[in-house]
């Protein structure tokens, strides 16, 4: 029997603050979180964070170079913590990753396998970043996947649409938060 976990990725204060209209997304992500908790589906909060001075980021790295010289996503900085609307409850796992995929630089795979989780329900910011990279890595690791189409958001709506309508269905079941809630 499949055992699933909800991965809520990069829904951190600094990242949420980059969204032009964060409230609709936070409401939808909060609904997914509430549904997982109500159904006793394990929740894993995945955050990107770096050491002071950003030694993990190569000079010229296109994705993360803009963070060098800032402390927004430095470990223990309040901006790197979960947005209060989706904050972890005691006992919920928080995984720190170092790059875009939830698996890169983290112990996520170890945690999932130790709990016999074989199905990942993915939500987070951004569709073309953390979600896409995690879908690809999870596929290589042979996890079953569900992508919550409205549980993901991207600054580029065209990228979001292409991914959830054309790319993700080749690797995962794609459904809305409401449809996933009804399946629990």
C-alpha atoms as a PDB file:
ATOM      1  CA  UNK A   1       0.000   0.000   0.000  1.00  0.00           C
ATOM      2  CA  UNK A   2       1.333   3.431  -0.945  1.00  0.00           C
ATOM      3  CA  UNK A   3       2.402   5.752   1.829  1.00  0.00           C
ATOM      4  CA  UNK A   4       2.536   9.408   0.899  1.00  0.00           C
ATOM      5  CA  UNK A   5       4.017  12.587   2.343  1.00  0.00           C
ATOM      6  CA  UNK A   6       3.321  16.225   1.504  1.00  0.00           C
ATOM      7  CA  UNK A   7       6.468  18.167   0.620  1.00  0.00           C
ATOM      8  CA  UNK A   8       5.889  21.895   1.046  1.00  0.00           C
ATOM      9  CA  UNK A   9       8.900  23.476  -0.644  1.00  0.00           C
ATOM     10  CA  UNK A  10      10.448  26.919  -0.236  1.00  0.00           C
ATOM     11  CA  UNK A  11       7.395  28.555   1.311  1.00  0.00           C
ATOM     12  CA  UNK A  12       9.697  30.779   3.309  1.00  0.00           C
ATOM     13  CA  UNK A  13       9.203  34.394   4.325  1.00  0.00           C
ATOM     14  CA  UNK A  14      11.713  35.910   1.902  1.00  0.00           C
ATOM     15  CA  UNK A  15      10.546  33.810  -1.034  1.00  0.00           C
ATOM     16  CA  UNK A  16       6.831  34.400  -0.377  1.00  0.00           C
ATOM     17  CA  UNK A  17       7.534  38.132  -0.204  1.00  0.00           C
ATOM     18  CA  UNK A  18       8.744  37.980  -3.828  1.00  0.00           C
ATOM     19  CA  UNK A  19       5.269  36.965  -5.028  1.00  0.00           C
ATOM     20  CA  UNK A  20       3.184  39.843  -6.402  1.00  0.00           C
ATOM     21  CA  UNK A  21       0.049  38.575  -4.611  1.00  0.00           C
ATOM     22  CA  UNK A  22       1.042  36.051  -1.928  1.00  0.00           C
ATOM     23  CA  UNK A  23      -2.312  35.697  -0.167  1.00  0.00           C
ATOM     24  CA  UNK A  24      -4.165  33.512  -2.702  1.00  0.00           C
ATOM     25  CA  UNK A  25      -1.208  31.146  -2.876  1.00  0.00           C
ATOM     26  CA  UNK A  26      -0.783  30.989   0.905  1.00  0.00           C
ATOM     27  CA  UNK A  27      -4.467  30.167   1.290  1.00  0.00           C
ATOM     28  CA  UNK A  28      -4.209  27.273  -1.182  1.00  0.00           C
ATOM     29  CA  UNK A  29      -0.961  25.974   0.319  1.00  0.00           C
ATOM     30  CA  UNK A  30      -2.569  26.245   3.755  1.00  0.00           C
ATOM     31  CA  UNK A  31      -5.496  24.135   2.538  1.00  0.00           C
ATOM     32  CA  UNK A  32      -3.122  21.405   1.349  1.00  0.00           C
ATOM     33  CA  UNK A  33      -1.298  21.534   4.664  1.00  0.00           C
ATOM     34  CA  UNK A  34      -4.534  21.325   6.659  1.00  0.00           C
ATOM     35  CA  UNK A  35      -5.740  18.382   4.555  1.00  0.00           C
ATOM     36  CA  UNK A  36      -2.485  16.486   5.095  1.00  0.00           C
ATOM     37  CA  UNK A  37      -2.591  17.083   8.821  1.00  0.00           C
ATOM     38  CA  UNK A  38      -6.253  16.040   9.069  1.00  0.00           C
ATOM     39  CA  UNK A  39      -5.547  12.820   7.153  1.00  0.00           C
ATOM     40  CA  UNK A  40      -2.357  12.019   9.112  1.00  0.00           C
ATOM     41  CA  UNK A  41      -0.257  12.369   5.968  1.00  0.00           C
ATOM     42  CA  UNK A  42       3.279  13.245   7.041  1.00  0.00           C
ATOM     43  CA  UNK A  43       4.276  16.804   6.193  1.00  0.00           C
ATOM     44  CA  UNK A  44       7.850  17.708   5.348  1.00  0.00           C
ATOM     45  CA  UNK A  45       8.747  21.381   5.060  1.00  0.00           C
ATOM     46  CA  UNK A  46      11.664  21.826   2.676  1.00  0.00           C
ATOM     47  CA  UNK A  47      13.631  25.066   2.934  1.00  0.00           C
ATOM     48  CA  UNK A  48      16.600  26.398   1.049  1.00  0.00           C
ATOM     49  CA  UNK A  49      19.224  27.953   3.311  1.00  0.00           C
ATOM     50  CA  UNK A  50      22.930  28.652   3.285  1.00  0.00           C
ATOM     51  CA  UNK A  51      25.733  29.126   5.762  1.00  0.00           C
ATOM     52  CA  UNK A  52      26.883  32.682   6.503  1.00  0.00           C
ATOM     53  CA  UNK A  53      29.019  33.878   3.611  1.00  0.00           C
ATOM     54  CA  UNK A  54      27.283  31.458   1.203  1.00  0.00           C
ATOM     55  CA  UNK A  55      30.195  29.028   0.705  1.00  0.00           C
ATOM     56  CA  UNK A  56      27.786  26.639  -1.069  1.00  0.00           C
ATOM     57  CA  UNK A  57      27.174  29.099  -3.922  1.00  0.00           C
ATOM     58  CA  UNK A  58      29.640  29.222  -6.785  1.00  0.00           C
ATOM     59  CA  UNK A  59      30.595  32.609  -8.100  1.00  0.00           C
ATOM     60  CA  UNK A  60      28.477  33.238 -11.177  1.00  0.00           C
ATOM     61  CA  UNK A  61      25.757  30.712 -10.290  1.00  0.00           C
ATOM     62  CA  UNK A  62      22.735  32.119 -12.126  1.00  0.00           C
ATOM     63  CA  UNK A  63      20.119  30.855  -9.693  1.00  0.00           C
ATOM     64  CA  UNK A  64      21.737  31.761  -6.395  1.00  0.00           C
ATOM     65  CA  UNK A  65      24.417  34.395  -7.119  1.00  0.00           C
ATOM     66  CA  UNK A  66      21.938  37.204  -6.345  1.00  0.00           C
ATOM     67  CA  UNK A  67      21.798  35.966  -2.736  1.00  0.00           C
ATOM     68  CA  UNK A  68      25.550  36.350  -2.194  1.00  0.00           C
ATOM     69  CA  UNK A  69      26.118  39.374  -0.019  1.00  0.00           C
ATOM     70  CA  UNK A  70      22.629  39.171   1.497  1.00  0.00           C
ATOM     71  CA  UNK A  71      21.450  37.265   4.519  1.00  0.00           C
ATOM     72  CA  UNK A  72      17.845  36.572   3.451  1.00  0.00           C
ATOM     73  CA  UNK A  73      18.348  32.826   3.076  1.00  0.00           C
ATOM     74  CA  UNK A  74      21.100  32.333   5.613  1.00  0.00           C
ATOM     75  CA  UNK A  75      20.310  29.650   8.184  1.00  0.00           C
ATOM     76  CA  UNK A  76      18.591  30.987  11.300  1.00  0.00           C
ATOM     77  CA  UNK A  77      17.718  34.313   9.680  1.00  0.00           C
ATOM     78  CA  UNK A  78      13.978  34.928  10.251  1.00  0.00           C
ATOM     79  CA  UNK A  79      13.559  35.537   6.488  1.00  0.00           C
ATOM     80  CA  UNK A  80      14.689  31.956   5.821  1.00  0.00           C
ATOM     81  CA  UNK A  81      12.017  30.453   8.076  1.00  0.00           C
ATOM     82  CA  UNK A  82       8.635  29.146   6.972  1.00  0.00           C
ATOM     83  CA  UNK A  83       6.016  31.768   6.301  1.00  0.00           C
ATOM     84  CA  UNK A  84       3.791  31.941   9.411  1.00  0.00           C
ATOM     85  CA  UNK A  85       0.734  30.907   7.363  1.00  0.00           C
ATOM     86  CA  UNK A  86       2.294  27.473   6.794  1.00  0.00           C
ATOM     87  CA  UNK A  87       4.651  27.146   9.737  1.00  0.00           C
ATOM     88  CA  UNK A  88       5.611  23.641  10.861  1.00  0.00           C
ATOM     89  CA  UNK A  89       3.894  22.159  13.870  1.00  0.00           C
ATOM     90  CA  UNK A  90       5.940  20.395  16.540  1.00  0.00           C
ATOM     91  CA  UNK A  91       6.937  16.999  15.198  1.00  0.00           C
ATOM     92  CA  UNK A  92       6.761  17.977  11.520  1.00  0.00           C
ATOM     93  CA  UNK A  93      10.058  17.553   9.749  1.00  0.00           C
ATOM     94  CA  UNK A  94      11.960  20.508   8.328  1.00  0.00           C
ATOM     95  CA  UNK A  95      14.587  19.644   5.727  1.00  0.00           C
ATOM     96  CA  UNK A  96      17.230  22.134   4.669  1.00  0.00           C
ATOM     97  CA  UNK A  97      18.432  21.850   1.094  1.00  0.00           C
ATOM     98  CA  UNK A  98      21.338  23.674  -0.490  1.00  0.00           C
ATOM     99  CA  UNK A  99      20.235  23.973  -4.094  1.00  0.00           C
ATOM    100  CA  UNK A 100      17.022  23.877  -6.111  1.00  0.00           C
ATOM    101  CA  UNK A 101      15.909  20.241  -5.784  1.00  0.00           C
ATOM    102  CA  UNK A 102      14.593  19.147  -2.391  1.00  0.00           C
ATOM    103  CA  UNK A 103      17.088  16.284  -2.556  1.00  0.00           C
ATOM    104  CA  UNK A 104      20.285  18.265  -3.237  1.00  0.00           C
ATOM    105  CA  UNK A 105      22.344  18.750  -0.118  1.00  0.00           C
ATOM    106  CA  UNK A 106      19.641  17.358   2.163  1.00  0.00           C
ATOM    107  CA  UNK A 107      18.802  14.138   3.962  1.00  0.00           C
ATOM    108  CA  UNK A 108      15.315  13.996   2.414  1.00  0.00           C
ATOM    109  CA  UNK A 109      15.755  10.638   0.667  1.00  0.00           C
ATOM    110  CA  UNK A 110      16.987   9.043   3.900  1.00  0.00           C
ATOM    111  CA  UNK A 111      14.020  10.435   5.858  1.00  0.00           C
ATOM    112  CA  UNK A 112      11.493   9.266   3.251  1.00  0.00           C
ATOM    113  CA  UNK A 113      12.911   5.750   2.975  1.00  0.00           C
ATOM    114  CA  UNK A 114      13.202   5.337   6.749  1.00  0.00           C
ATOM    115  CA  UNK A 115       9.462   6.036   7.000  1.00  0.00           C
ATOM    116  CA  UNK A 116       8.588   3.768   4.036  1.00  0.00           C
ATOM    117  CA  UNK A 117       7.207   6.732   2.088  1.00  0.00           C
ATOM    118  CA  UNK A 118       6.985   5.945  -1.603  1.00  0.00           C
ATOM    119  CA  UNK A 119       4.674   8.695  -2.856  1.00  0.00           C
ATOM    120  CA  UNK A 120       5.474  12.403  -2.780  1.00  0.00           C
ATOM    121  CA  UNK A 121       2.800  15.083  -2.951  1.00  0.00           C
ATOM    122  CA  UNK A 122       4.577  18.205  -4.149  1.00  0.00           C
ATOM    123  CA  UNK A 123       3.663  21.842  -3.549  1.00  0.00           C
ATOM    124  CA  UNK A 124       5.752  24.969  -3.325  1.00  0.00           C
ATOM    125  CA  UNK A 125       7.514  27.945  -4.813  1.00  0.00           C
ATOM    126  CA  UNK A 126       8.473  27.921  -7.636  1.00  0.00           C
ATOM    127  CA  UNK A 127       6.969  25.624 -10.224  1.00  0.00           C
ATOM    128  CA  UNK A 128       9.940  26.084 -12.563  1.00  0.00           C
ATOM    129  CA  UNK A 129      12.473  25.835  -9.746  1.00  0.00           C
ATOM    130  CA  UNK A 130      12.021  23.666  -6.662  1.00  0.00           C
ATOM    131  CA  UNK A 131       9.027  21.753  -7.997  1.00  0.00           C
ATOM    132  CA  UNK A 132      10.509  20.938 -11.412  1.00  0.00           C
ATOM    133  CA  UNK A 133      13.900  19.974  -9.989  1.00  0.00           C
ATOM    134  CA  UNK A 134      12.313  17.822  -7.298  1.00  0.00           C
ATOM    135  CA  UNK A 135      10.007  16.091  -9.795  1.00  0.00           C
ATOM    136  CA  UNK A 136      13.027  15.146 -11.887  1.00  0.00           C
ATOM    137  CA  UNK A 137      15.144  13.990  -8.930  1.00  0.00           C
ATOM    138  CA  UNK A 138      12.246  12.063  -7.340  1.00  0.00           C
ATOM    139  CA  UNK A 139      11.601  10.327 -10.641  1.00  0.00           C
ATOM    140  CA  UNK A 140      15.234   9.214 -10.814  1.00  0.00           C
ATOM    141  CA  UNK A 141      14.847   7.862  -7.272  1.00  0.00           C
ATOM    142  CA  UNK A 142      11.661   6.029  -8.337  1.00  0.00           C
ATOM    143  CA  UNK A 143       9.167   7.771  -6.082  1.00  0.00           C
ATOM    144  CA  UNK A 144       5.548   7.970  -7.164  1.00  0.00           C
ATOM    145  CA  UNK A 145       4.507  11.612  -7.392  1.00  0.00           C
ATOM    146  CA  UNK A 146       1.501  13.871  -7.213  1.00  0.00           C
ATOM    147  CA  UNK A 147       1.927  17.524  -8.142  1.00  0.00           C
ATOM    148  CA  UNK A 148      -0.683  19.884  -6.724  1.00  0.00           C
ATOM    149  CA  UNK A 149      -1.206  22.216  -9.670  1.00  0.00           C
ATOM    150  CA  UNK A 150      -2.607  25.078  -7.592  1.00  0.00           C
ATOM    151  CA  UNK A 151      -0.298  24.242  -4.689  1.00  0.00           C
ATOM    152  CA  UNK A 152       2.590  25.470  -6.834  1.00  0.00           C
ATOM    153  CA  UNK A 153       3.256  28.996  -8.035  1.00  0.00           C
ATOM    154  CA  UNK A 154       5.763  30.656 -10.318  1.00  0.00           C
ATOM    155  CA  UNK A 155       6.474  34.293 -11.103  1.00  0.00           C
ATOM    156  CA  UNK A 156       6.177  33.323 -14.765  1.00  0.00           C
ATOM    157  CA  UNK A 157       2.619  32.071 -15.276  1.00  0.00           C
ATOM    158  CA  UNK A 158       3.461  30.668 -18.710  1.00  0.00           C
ATOM    159  CA  UNK A 159       6.191  28.476 -17.213  1.00  0.00           C
ATOM    160  CA  UNK A 160       3.758  27.299 -14.540  1.00  0.00           C
ATOM    161  CA  UNK A 161       1.084  26.431 -17.109  1.00  0.00           C
ATOM    162  CA  UNK A 162       3.442  24.564 -19.445  1.00  0.00           C
ATOM    163  CA  UNK A 163       4.874  22.542 -16.580  1.00  0.00           C
ATOM    164  CA  UNK A 164       1.589  21.517 -14.936  1.00  0.00           C
ATOM    165  CA  UNK A 165      -0.213  20.865 -18.215  1.00  0.00           C
ATOM    166  CA  UNK A 166       2.525  19.390 -20.423  1.00  0.00           C
ATOM    167  CA  UNK A 167       5.655  18.353 -18.526  1.00  0.00           C
ATOM    168  CA  UNK A 168       4.592  17.117 -15.088  1.00  0.00           C
ATOM    169  CA  UNK A 169       1.905  14.709 -16.387  1.00  0.00           C
ATOM    170  CA  UNK A 170       4.734  12.677 -17.958  1.00  0.00           C
ATOM    171  CA  UNK A 171       6.216  12.112 -14.472  1.00  0.00           C
ATOM    172  CA  UNK A 172       3.427  12.550 -11.943  1.00  0.00           C
ATOM    173  CA  UNK A 173      -0.276  12.658 -11.343  1.00  0.00           C
ATOM    174  CA  UNK A 174      -1.289  16.306 -11.503  1.00  0.00           C
ATOM    175  CA  UNK A 175      -4.330  17.432  -9.555  1.00  0.00           C
ATOM    176  CA  UNK A 176      -5.706  20.379  -7.661  1.00  0.00           C
ATOM    177  CA  UNK A 177      -5.491  20.664  -3.897  1.00  0.00           C
ATOM    178  CA  UNK A 178      -9.240  20.094  -3.701  1.00  0.00           C
ATOM    179  CA  UNK A 179      -9.076  16.888  -5.794  1.00  0.00           C
ATOM    180  CA  UNK A 180      -6.213  15.618  -3.623  1.00  0.00           C
ATOM    181  CA  UNK A 181      -8.172  16.439  -0.450  1.00  0.00           C
ATOM    182  CA  UNK A 182     -11.113  14.447  -1.776  1.00  0.00           C
ATOM    183  CA  UNK A 183      -8.843  11.473  -2.511  1.00  0.00           C
ATOM    184  CA  UNK A 184      -7.647  11.211   1.091  1.00  0.00           C
END
